[in-house]
PDB file of all heavy atoms in Angstrom:
ATOM      1  N   LYS A   1     117.771  99.395  84.448  1.00  0.00           N
ATOM      2  CA  LYS A   1     117.607  98.058  85.000  1.00  0.00           C
ATOM      3  C   LYS A   1     116.929  98.098  86.361  1.00  0.00           C
ATOM      4  O   LYS A   1     116.068  97.266  86.692  1.00  0.00           O
ATOM      5  CB  LYS A   1     118.987  97.379  85.148  1.00  0.00           C
ATOM      6  CG  LYS A   1     119.596  96.945  83.817  1.00  0.00           C
ATOM      7  CD  LYS A   1     120.958  96.310  84.027  1.00  0.00           C
ATOM      8  CE  LYS A   1     121.578  95.905  82.707  1.00  0.00           C
ATOM      9  NZ  LYS A   1     122.943  95.338  82.890  1.00  0.00           N
ATOM     10  N   ILE A   2     117.298  99.098  87.182  1.00  0.00           N
ATOM     11  CA  ILE A   2     116.695  99.253  88.511  1.00  0.00           C
ATOM     12  C   ILE A   2     115.215  99.574  88.369  1.00  0.00           C
ATOM     13  O   ILE A   2     114.382  99.023  89.070  1.00  0.00           O
ATOM     14  CB  ILE A   2     117.420 100.368  89.300  1.00  0.00           C
ATOM     15  CG1 ILE A   2     118.860  99.928  89.637  1.00  0.00           C
ATOM     16  CG2 ILE A   2     116.664 100.716  90.565  1.00  0.00           C
ATOM     17  CD1 ILE A   2     119.723 101.014  90.189  1.00  0.00           C
ATOM     18  N   ALA A   3     114.873 100.463  87.436  1.00  0.00           N
ATOM     19  CA  ALA A   3     113.465 100.838  87.212  1.00  0.00           C
ATOM     20  C   ALA A   3     112.655  99.641  86.775  1.00  0.00           C
ATOM     21  O   ALA A   3     111.498  99.482  87.157  1.00  0.00           O
ATOM     22  CB  ALA A   3     113.395 101.942  86.180  1.00  0.00           C
ATOM     23  N   LEU A   4     113.264  98.782  85.952  1.00  0.00           N
ATOM     24  CA  LEU A   4     112.549  97.606  85.453  1.00  0.00           C
ATOM     25  C   LEU A   4     112.175  96.660  86.579  1.00  0.00           C
ATOM     26  O   LEU A   4     111.127  96.002  86.547  1.00  0.00           O
ATOM     27  CB  LEU A   4     113.433  96.868  84.420  1.00  0.00           C
ATOM     28  CG  LEU A   4     112.743  95.849  83.513  1.00  0.00           C
ATOM     29  CD1 LEU A   4     111.684  96.517  82.665  1.00  0.00           C
ATOM     30  CD2 LEU A   4     113.781  95.146  82.634  1.00  0.00           C
ATOM     31  N   VAL A   5     113.003  96.618  87.622  1.00  0.00           N
ATOM     32  CA  VAL A   5     112.765  95.741  88.767  1.00  0.00           C
ATOM     33  C   VAL A   5     111.863  96.405  89.798  1.00  0.00           C
ATOM     34  O   VAL A   5     110.957  95.782  90.357  1.00  0.00           O
ATOM     35  CB  VAL A   5     114.104  95.330  89.421  1.00  0.00           C
ATOM     36  CG1 VAL A   5     113.853  94.539  90.712  1.00  0.00           C
ATOM     37  CG2 VAL A   5     114.940  94.501  88.467  1.00  0.00           C
ATOM     38  N   GLN A   6     112.101  97.691  90.073  1.00  0.00           N
ATOM     39  CA  GLN A   6     111.441  98.348  91.194  1.00  0.00           C
ATOM     40  C   GLN A   6     110.111  99.017  90.835  1.00  0.00           C
ATOM     41  O   GLN A   6     109.301  99.278  91.711  1.00  0.00           O
ATOM     42  CB  GLN A   6     112.376  99.397  91.802  1.00  0.00           C
ATOM     43  CG  GLN A   6     113.632  98.790  92.449  1.00  0.00           C
ATOM     44  CD  GLN A   6     114.483  99.828  93.122  1.00  0.00           C
ATOM     45  OE1 GLN A   6     114.344 101.025  92.906  1.00  0.00           O
ATOM     46  NE2 GLN A   6     115.416  99.379  93.956  1.00  0.00           N
ATOM     47  N   LYS A   7     109.894  99.329  89.542  1.00  0.00           N
ATOM     48  CA  LYS A   7     108.677 100.050  89.157  1.00  0.00           C
ATOM     49  C   LYS A   7     107.717  99.147  88.441  1.00  0.00           C
ATOM     50  O   LYS A   7     108.109  98.224  87.722  1.00  0.00           O
ATOM     51  CB  LYS A   7     109.025 101.257  88.275  1.00  0.00           C
ATOM     52  CG  LYS A   7     109.801 102.325  89.021  1.00  0.00           C
ATOM     53  CD  LYS A   7     109.876 103.623  88.228  1.00  0.00           C
ATOM     54  CE  LYS A   7     110.509 104.743  89.054  1.00  0.00           C
ATOM     55  NZ  LYS A   7     110.477 106.033  88.324  1.00  0.00           N
ATOM     56  N   THR A   8     106.417  99.395  88.623  1.00  0.00           N
ATOM     57  CA  THR A   8     105.395  98.650  87.926  1.00  0.00           C
ATOM     58  C   THR A   8     105.352  99.098  86.461  1.00  0.00           C
ATOM     59  O   THR A   8     105.885 100.145  86.112  1.00  0.00           O
ATOM     60  CB  THR A   8     104.029  98.880  88.546  1.00  0.00           C
ATOM     61  OG1 THR A   8     103.644 100.233  88.321  1.00  0.00           O
ATOM     62  CG2 THR A   8     104.043  98.600  90.047  1.00  0.00           C
ATOM     63  N   VAL A   9     104.711  98.312  85.627  1.00  0.00           N
ATOM     64  CA  VAL A   9     104.619  98.665  84.219  1.00  0.00           C
ATOM     65  C   VAL A   9     103.817  99.945  84.028  1.00  0.00           C
ATOM     66  O   VAL A   9     104.098 100.727  83.119  1.00  0.00           O
ATOM     67  CB  VAL A   9     104.023  97.489  83.396  1.00  0.00           C
ATOM     68  CG1 VAL A   9     102.573  97.247  83.740  1.00  0.00           C
ATOM     69  CG2 VAL A   9     104.193  97.713  81.919  1.00  0.00           C
ATOM     70  N   LYS A  10     102.857 100.224  84.899  1.00  0.00           N
ATOM     71  CA  LYS A  10     102.100 101.460  84.832  1.00  0.00           C
ATOM     72  C   LYS A  10     103.017 102.661  85.116  1.00  0.00           C
ATOM     73  O   LYS A  10     102.950 103.704  84.422  1.00  0.00           O
ATOM     74  CB  LYS A  10     100.954 101.482  85.868  1.00  0.00           C
ATOM     75  CG  LYS A  10      99.779 100.631  85.494  1.00  0.00           C
ATOM     76  CD  LYS A  10      98.669 100.818  86.515  1.00  0.00           C
ATOM     77  CE  LYS A  10      97.486  99.919  86.185  1.00  0.00           C
ATOM     78  NZ  LYS A  10      96.389 100.089  87.181  1.00  0.00           N
ATOM     79  N   GLN A  11     103.864 102.511  86.116  1.00  0.00           N
ATOM     80  CA  GLN A  11     104.834 103.581  86.424  1.00  0.00           C
ATOM     81  C   GLN A  11     105.786 103.821  85.267  1.00  0.00           C
ATOM     82  O   GLN A  11     106.105 104.951  84.932  1.00  0.00           O
ATOM     83  CB  GLN A  11     105.589 103.240  87.694  1.00  0.00           C
ATOM     84  CG  GLN A  11     104.772 103.319  88.967  1.00  0.00           C
ATOM     85  CD  GLN A  11     105.570 102.861  90.189  1.00  0.00           C
ATOM     86  OE1 GLN A  11     105.985 101.710  90.270  1.00  0.00           O
ATOM     87  NE2 GLN A  11     105.799 103.780  91.097  1.00  0.00           N
ATOM     88  N   ARG A  12     106.238 102.716  84.659  1.00  0.00           N
ATOM     89  CA  ARG A  12     107.168 102.848  83.548  1.00  0.00           C
ATOM     90  C   ARG A  12     106.511 103.516  82.335  1.00  0.00           C
ATOM     91  O   ARG A  12     107.177 104.269  81.623  1.00  0.00           O
ATOM     92  CB  ARG A  12     107.743 101.477  83.179  1.00  0.00           C
ATOM     93  CG  ARG A  12     108.606 100.847  84.274  1.00  0.00           C
ATOM     94  CD  ARG A  12     109.503  99.732  83.765  1.00  0.00           C
ATOM     95  NE  ARG A  12     108.769  98.632  83.171  1.00  0.00           N
ATOM     96  CZ  ARG A  12     108.327  97.562  83.851  1.00  0.00           C
ATOM     97  NH1 ARG A  12     108.513  97.492  85.166  1.00  0.00           N
ATOM     98  NH2 ARG A  12     107.713  96.591  83.221  1.00  0.00           N
ATOM     99  N   LEU A  13     105.233 103.229  82.110  1.00  0.00           N
ATOM    100  CA  LEU A  13     104.523 103.875  81.004  1.00  0.00           C
ATOM    101  C   LEU A  13     104.394 105.373  81.257  1.00  0.00           C
ATOM    102  O   LEU A  13     104.660 106.199  80.366  1.00  0.00           O
ATOM    103  CB  LEU A  13     103.140 103.232  80.819  1.00  0.00           C
ATOM    104  CG  LEU A  13     102.279 103.879  79.725  1.00  0.00           C
ATOM    105  CD1 LEU A  13     102.984 103.898  78.361  1.00  0.00           C
ATOM    106  CD2 LEU A  13     100.926 103.207  79.613  1.00  0.00           C
ATOM    107  N   ALA A  14     103.989 105.729  82.490  1.00  0.00           N
ATOM    108  CA  ALA A  14     103.871 107.151  82.841  1.00  0.00           C
ATOM    109  C   ALA A  14     105.204 107.883  82.672  1.00  0.00           C
ATOM    110  O   ALA A  14     105.275 108.964  82.102  1.00  0.00           O
ATOM    111  CB  ALA A  14     103.354 107.277  84.269  1.00  0.00           C
ATOM    112  N   GLU A  15     106.264 107.221  83.148  1.00  0.00           N
ATOM    113  CA  GLU A  15     107.589 107.805  83.079  1.00  0.00           C
ATOM    114  C   GLU A  15     108.026 107.957  81.620  1.00  0.00           C
ATOM    115  O   GLU A  15     108.612 108.987  81.242  1.00  0.00           O
ATOM    116  CB  GLU A  15     108.576 106.897  83.819  1.00  0.00           C
ATOM    117  CG  GLU A  15     109.963 107.462  84.026  1.00  0.00           C
ATOM    118  CD  GLU A  15     110.789 106.552  84.928  1.00  0.00           C
ATOM    119  OE1 GLU A  15     111.007 105.390  84.563  1.00  0.00           O
ATOM    120  OE2 GLU A  15     111.233 107.013  85.989  1.00  0.00           O
ATOM    121  N   THR A  16     107.734 106.978  80.789  1.00  0.00           N
ATOM    122  CA  THR A  16     108.124 107.013  79.375  1.00  0.00           C
ATOM    123  C   THR A  16     107.377 108.099  78.627  1.00  0.00           C
ATOM    124  O   THR A  16     107.959 108.839  77.820  1.00  0.00           O
ATOM    125  CB  THR A  16     107.853 105.640  78.709  1.00  0.00           C
ATOM    126  OG1 THR A  16     108.705 104.677  79.337  1.00  0.00           O
ATOM    127  CG2 THR A  16     108.171 105.683  77.240  1.00  0.00           C
ATOM    128  N   LEU A  17     106.086 108.250  78.895  1.00  0.00           N
ATOM    129  CA  LEU A  17     105.299 109.280  78.236  1.00  0.00           C
ATOM    130  C   LEU A  17     105.827 110.688  78.572  1.00  0.00           C
ATOM    131  O   LEU A  17     105.949 111.556  77.699  1.00  0.00           O
ATOM    132  CB  LEU A  17     103.824 109.170  78.650  1.00  0.00           C
ATOM    133  CG  LEU A  17     103.071 107.953  78.106  1.00  0.00           C
ATOM    134  CD1 LEU A  17     101.695 107.823  78.751  1.00  0.00           C
ATOM    135  CD2 LEU A  17     102.957 108.017  76.587  1.00  0.00           C
ATOM    136  N   LEU A  18     106.179 110.871  79.833  1.00  0.00           N
ATOM    137  CA  LEU A  18     106.748 112.141  80.287  1.00  0.00           C
ATOM    138  C   LEU A  18     108.097 112.396  79.629  1.00  0.00           C
ATOM    139  O   LEU A  18     108.432 113.538  79.234  1.00  0.00           O
ATOM    140  CB  LEU A  18     106.885 112.180  81.791  1.00  0.00           C
ATOM    141  CG  LEU A  18     105.553 112.199  82.591  1.00  0.00           C
ATOM    142  CD1 LEU A  18     105.818 111.911  84.067  1.00  0.00           C
ATOM    143  CD2 LEU A  18     104.867 113.563  82.426  1.00  0.00           C
ATOM    144  N   HIS A  19     108.890 111.331  79.495  1.00  0.00           N
ATOM    145  CA  HIS A  19     110.216 111.425  78.854  1.00  0.00           C
ATOM    146  C   HIS A  19     110.064 111.802  77.384  1.00  0.00           C
ATOM    147  O   HIS A  19     110.814 112.662  76.879  1.00  0.00           O
ATOM    148  CB  HIS A  19     110.941 110.098  78.984  1.00  0.00           C
ATOM    149  CG  HIS A  19     112.249 110.060  78.258  1.00  0.00           C
ATOM    150  ND1 HIS A  19     113.392 110.692  78.707  1.00  0.00           N
ATOM    151  CD2 HIS A  19     112.607 109.429  77.092  1.00  0.00           C
ATOM    152  CE1 HIS A  19     114.384 110.492  77.867  1.00  0.00           C
ATOM    153  NE2 HIS A  19     113.916 109.737  76.879  1.00  0.00           N
ATOM    154  N   LEU A  20     109.112 111.207  76.702  1.00  0.00           N
ATOM    155  CA  LEU A  20     108.898 111.517  75.284  1.00  0.00           C
ATOM    156  C   LEU A  20     108.497 112.973  75.094  1.00  0.00           C
ATOM    157  O   LEU A  20     108.931 113.630  74.140  1.00  0.00           O
ATOM    158  CB  LEU A  20     107.812 110.601  74.690  1.00  0.00           C
ATOM    159  CG  LEU A  20     108.139 109.104  74.629  1.00  0.00           C
ATOM    160  CD1 LEU A  20     106.957 108.330  74.063  1.00  0.00           C
ATOM    161  CD2 LEU A  20     109.394 108.836  73.814  1.00  0.00           C
ATOM    162  N   GLN A  21     107.693 113.479  76.022  1.00  0.00           N
ATOM    163  CA  GLN A  21     107.279 114.894  75.931  1.00  0.00           C
ATOM    164  C   GLN A  21     108.462 115.818  76.191  1.00  0.00           C
ATOM    165  O   GLN A  21     108.682 116.793  75.469  1.00  0.00           O
ATOM    166  CB  GLN A  21     106.172 115.180  76.947  1.00  0.00           C
ATOM    167  CG  GLN A  21     105.646 116.618  76.892  1.00  0.00           C
ATOM    168  CD  GLN A  21     104.780 116.942  78.085  1.00  0.00           C
ATOM    169  OE1 GLN A  21     105.184 116.780  79.251  1.00  0.00           O
ATOM    170  NE2 GLN A  21     103.561 117.399  77.826  1.00  0.00           N
ATOM    171  N   ALA A  22     109.252 115.521  77.249  1.00  0.00           N
ATOM    172  CA  ALA A  22     110.355 116.368  77.636  1.00  0.00           C
ATOM    173  C   ALA A  22     111.487 116.362  76.635  1.00  0.00           C
ATOM    174  O   ALA A  22     112.092 117.392  76.331  1.00  0.00           O
ATOM    175  CB  ALA A  22     110.868 115.946  79.020  1.00  0.00           C
ATOM    176  N   GLU A  23     111.816 115.182  76.096  1.00  0.00           N
ATOM    177  CA  GLU A  23     112.970 115.040  75.222  1.00  0.00           C
ATOM    178  C   GLU A  23     112.688 115.355  73.756  1.00  0.00           C
ATOM    179  O   GLU A  23     113.548 115.870  73.056  1.00  0.00           O
ATOM    180  CB  GLU A  23     113.525 113.614  75.320  1.00  0.00           C
ATOM    181  CG  GLU A  23     114.245 113.301  76.618  1.00  0.00           C
ATOM    182  CD  GLU A  23     115.493 114.144  76.801  1.00  0.00           C
ATOM    183  OE1 GLU A  23     116.297 114.185  75.882  1.00  0.00           O
ATOM    184  OE2 GLU A  23     115.660 114.749  77.867  1.00  0.00           O
ATOM    185  N   PHE A  24     111.460 115.068  73.318  1.00  0.00           N
ATOM    186  CA  PHE A  24     111.175 115.194  71.866  1.00  0.00           C
ATOM    187  C   PHE A  24     110.100 116.248  71.543  1.00  0.00           C
ATOM    188  O   PHE A  24     109.904 116.581  70.400  1.00  0.00           O
ATOM    189  CB  PHE A  24     110.762 113.824  71.280  1.00  0.00           C
ATOM    190  CG  PHE A  24     111.804 112.775  71.479  1.00  0.00           C
ATOM    191  CD1 PHE A  24     111.778 111.898  72.552  1.00  0.00           C
ATOM    192  CD2 PHE A  24     112.867 112.655  70.583  1.00  0.00           C
ATOM    193  CE1 PHE A  24     112.749 110.929  72.728  1.00  0.00           C
ATOM    194  CE2 PHE A  24     113.857 111.693  70.752  1.00  0.00           C
ATOM    195  CZ  PHE A  24     113.793 110.826  71.838  1.00  0.00           C
ATOM    196  N   GLY A  25     109.400 116.723  72.566  1.00  0.00           N
ATOM    197  CA  GLY A  25     108.467 117.822  72.384  1.00  0.00           C
ATOM    198  C   GLY A  25     107.091 117.400  71.875  1.00  0.00           C
ATOM    199  O   GLY A  25     106.778 116.224  71.737  1.00  0.00           O
ATOM    200  N   GLU A  26     106.288 118.438  71.567  1.00  0.00           N
ATOM    201  CA  GLU A  26     104.944 118.237  71.107  1.00  0.00           C
ATOM    202  C   GLU A  26     104.706 118.913  69.757  1.00  0.00           C
ATOM    203  O   GLU A  26     105.399 119.874  69.413  1.00  0.00           O
ATOM    204  CB  GLU A  26     103.930 118.835  72.108  1.00  0.00           C
ATOM    205  CG  GLU A  26     103.920 118.178  73.476  1.00  0.00           C
ATOM    206  CD  GLU A  26     102.991 118.871  74.442  1.00  0.00           C
ATOM    207  OE1 GLU A  26     102.766 120.081  74.274  1.00  0.00           O
ATOM    208  OE2 GLU A  26     102.534 118.220  75.381  1.00  0.00           O
ATOM    209  N   ASN A  27     103.704 118.432  69.025  1.00  0.00           N
ATOM    210  CA  ASN A  27     103.265 119.075  67.801  1.00  0.00           C
ATOM    211  C   ASN A  27     102.354 120.233  68.173  1.00  0.00           C
ATOM    212  O   ASN A  27     101.905 120.357  69.328  1.00  0.00           O
ATOM    213  CB  ASN A  27     102.504 118.053  66.931  1.00  0.00           C
ATOM    214  CG  ASN A  27     103.407 116.947  66.431  1.00  0.00           C
ATOM    215  OD1 ASN A  27     104.480 117.184  65.860  1.00  0.00           O
ATOM    216  ND2 ASN A  27     102.978 115.689  66.652  1.00  0.00           N
ATOM    217  N   PRO A  28     102.019 121.131  67.209  1.00  0.00           N
ATOM    218  CA  PRO A  28     101.094 122.241  67.484  1.00  0.00           C
ATOM    219  C   PRO A  28      99.760 121.808  68.055  1.00  0.00           C
ATOM    220  O   PRO A  28      99.118 122.550  68.781  1.00  0.00           O
ATOM    221  CB  PRO A  28     100.933 122.901  66.097  1.00  0.00           C
ATOM    222  CG  PRO A  28     102.214 122.611  65.394  1.00  0.00           C
ATOM    223  CD  PRO A  28     102.599 121.222  65.842  1.00  0.00           C
ATOM    224  N   ASP A  29      99.302 120.566  67.709  1.00  0.00           N
ATOM    225  CA  ASP A  29      98.019 120.095  68.218  1.00  0.00           C
ATOM    226  C   ASP A  29      98.149 119.402  69.566  1.00  0.00           C
ATOM    227  O   ASP A  29      97.227 118.733  70.050  1.00  0.00           O
ATOM    228  CB  ASP A  29      97.376 119.127  67.225  1.00  0.00           C
ATOM    229  CG  ASP A  29      98.213 117.869  66.960  1.00  0.00           C
ATOM    230  OD1 ASP A  29      99.312 117.765  67.546  1.00  0.00           O
ATOM    231  OD2 ASP A  29      97.789 117.021  66.153  1.00  0.00           O
ATOM    232  N   LYS A  30      99.319 119.543  70.211  1.00  0.00           N
ATOM    233  CA  LYS A  30      99.605 119.021  71.559  1.00  0.00           C
ATOM    234  C   LYS A  30      99.883 117.507  71.576  1.00  0.00           C
ATOM    235  O   LYS A  30     100.114 116.940  72.661  1.00  0.00           O
ATOM    236  CB  LYS A  30      98.481 119.340  72.557  1.00  0.00           C
ATOM    237  CG  LYS A  30      98.236 120.817  72.781  1.00  0.00           C
ATOM    238  CD  LYS A  30      99.459 121.502  73.363  1.00  0.00           C
ATOM    239  CE  LYS A  30      99.213 122.962  73.644  1.00  0.00           C
ATOM    240  NZ  LYS A  30     100.432 123.640  74.218  1.00  0.00           N
ATOM    241  N   THR A  31      99.839 116.832  70.440  1.00  0.00           N
ATOM    242  CA  THR A  31     100.205 115.406  70.413  1.00  0.00           C
ATOM    243  C   THR A  31     101.701 115.284  70.541  1.00  0.00           C
ATOM    244  O   THR A  31     102.472 116.199  70.188  1.00  0.00           O
ATOM    245  CB  THR A  31      99.746 114.727  69.107  1.00  0.00           C
ATOM    246  OG1 THR A  31     100.347 115.431  68.005  1.00  0.00           O
ATOM    247  CG2 THR A  31      98.237 114.758  68.976  1.00  0.00           C
ATOM    248  N   LEU A  32     102.163 114.146  71.090  1.00  0.00           N
ATOM    249  CA  LEU A  32     103.592 113.918  71.220  1.00  0.00           C
ATOM    250  C   LEU A  32     104.234 113.891  69.832  1.00  0.00           C
ATOM    251  O   LEU A  32     103.740 113.265  68.908  1.00  0.00           O
ATOM    252  CB  LEU A  32     103.873 112.580  71.923  1.00  0.00           C
ATOM    253  CG  LEU A  32     103.440 112.496  73.390  1.00  0.00           C
ATOM    254  CD1 LEU A  32     103.669 111.094  73.920  1.00  0.00           C
ATOM    255  CD2 LEU A  32     104.137 113.550  74.263  1.00  0.00           C
ATOM    256  N   LYS A  33     105.349 114.635  69.701  1.00  0.00           N
ATOM    257  CA  LYS A  33     106.004 114.737  68.386  1.00  0.00           C
ATOM    258  C   LYS A  33     106.520 113.389  67.910  1.00  0.00           C
ATOM    259  O   LYS A  33     106.412 113.076  66.720  1.00  0.00           O
ATOM    260  CB  LYS A  33     107.134 115.758  68.447  1.00  0.00           C
ATOM    261  CG  LYS A  33     107.786 116.056  67.131  1.00  0.00           C
ATOM    262  CD  LYS A  33     108.711 117.258  67.201  1.00  0.00           C
ATOM    263  CE  LYS A  33     107.900 118.553  67.311  1.00  0.00           C
ATOM    264  NZ  LYS A  33     108.792 119.751  67.232  1.00  0.00           N
ATOM    265  N   ILE A  34     107.097 112.622  68.813  1.00  0.00           N
ATOM    266  CA  ILE A  34     107.597 111.302  68.418  1.00  0.00           C
ATOM    267  C   ILE A  34     106.447 110.291  68.484  1.00  0.00           C
ATOM    268  O   ILE A  34     105.746 110.207  69.494  1.00  0.00           O
ATOM    269  CB  ILE A  34     108.771 110.850  69.311  1.00  0.00           C
ATOM    270  CG1 ILE A  34     109.308 109.492  68.820  1.00  0.00           C
ATOM    271  CG2 ILE A  34     108.400 110.792  70.764  1.00  0.00           C
ATOM    272  CD1 ILE A  34     110.603 109.097  69.481  1.00  0.00           C
ATOM    273  N   GLN A  35     106.214 109.584  67.386  1.00  0.00           N
ATOM    274  CA  GLN A  35     105.114 108.648  67.312  1.00  0.00           C
ATOM    275  C   GLN A  35     105.645 107.220  67.238  1.00  0.00           C
ATOM    276  O   GLN A  35     106.159 106.795  66.205  1.00  0.00           O
ATOM    277  CB  GLN A  35     104.257 108.956  66.103  1.00  0.00           C
ATOM    278  CG  GLN A  35     102.949 108.155  66.031  1.00  0.00           C
ATOM    279  CD  GLN A  35     102.067 108.558  64.895  1.00  0.00           C
ATOM    280  OE1 GLN A  35     102.048 109.717  64.476  1.00  0.00           O
ATOM    281  NE2 GLN A  35     101.355 107.617  64.304  1.00  0.00           N
ATOM    282  N   LEU A  36     105.502 106.488  68.332  1.00  0.00           N
ATOM    283  CA  LEU A  36     105.952 105.103  68.398  1.00  0.00           C
ATOM    284  C   LEU A  36     104.765 104.193  68.116  1.00  0.00           C
ATOM    285  O   LEU A  36     103.624 104.516  68.456  1.00  0.00           O
ATOM    286  CB  LEU A  36     106.522 104.790  69.786  1.00  0.00           C
ATOM    287  CG  LEU A  36     107.733 105.595  70.264  1.00  0.00           C
ATOM    288  CD1 LEU A  36     108.070 105.218  71.697  1.00  0.00           C
ATOM    289  CD2 LEU A  36     108.926 105.386  69.360  1.00  0.00           C
TER     290      LEU A  36
END
């Protein structure tokens, strides 16, 4: 909730992409394993 108020949508996208990489990993071709 704090991030939604204090961070811009660009920051939230960057943060989310990093989270997807850290939490769910990458495929052998370096693409994010989780595909939303």
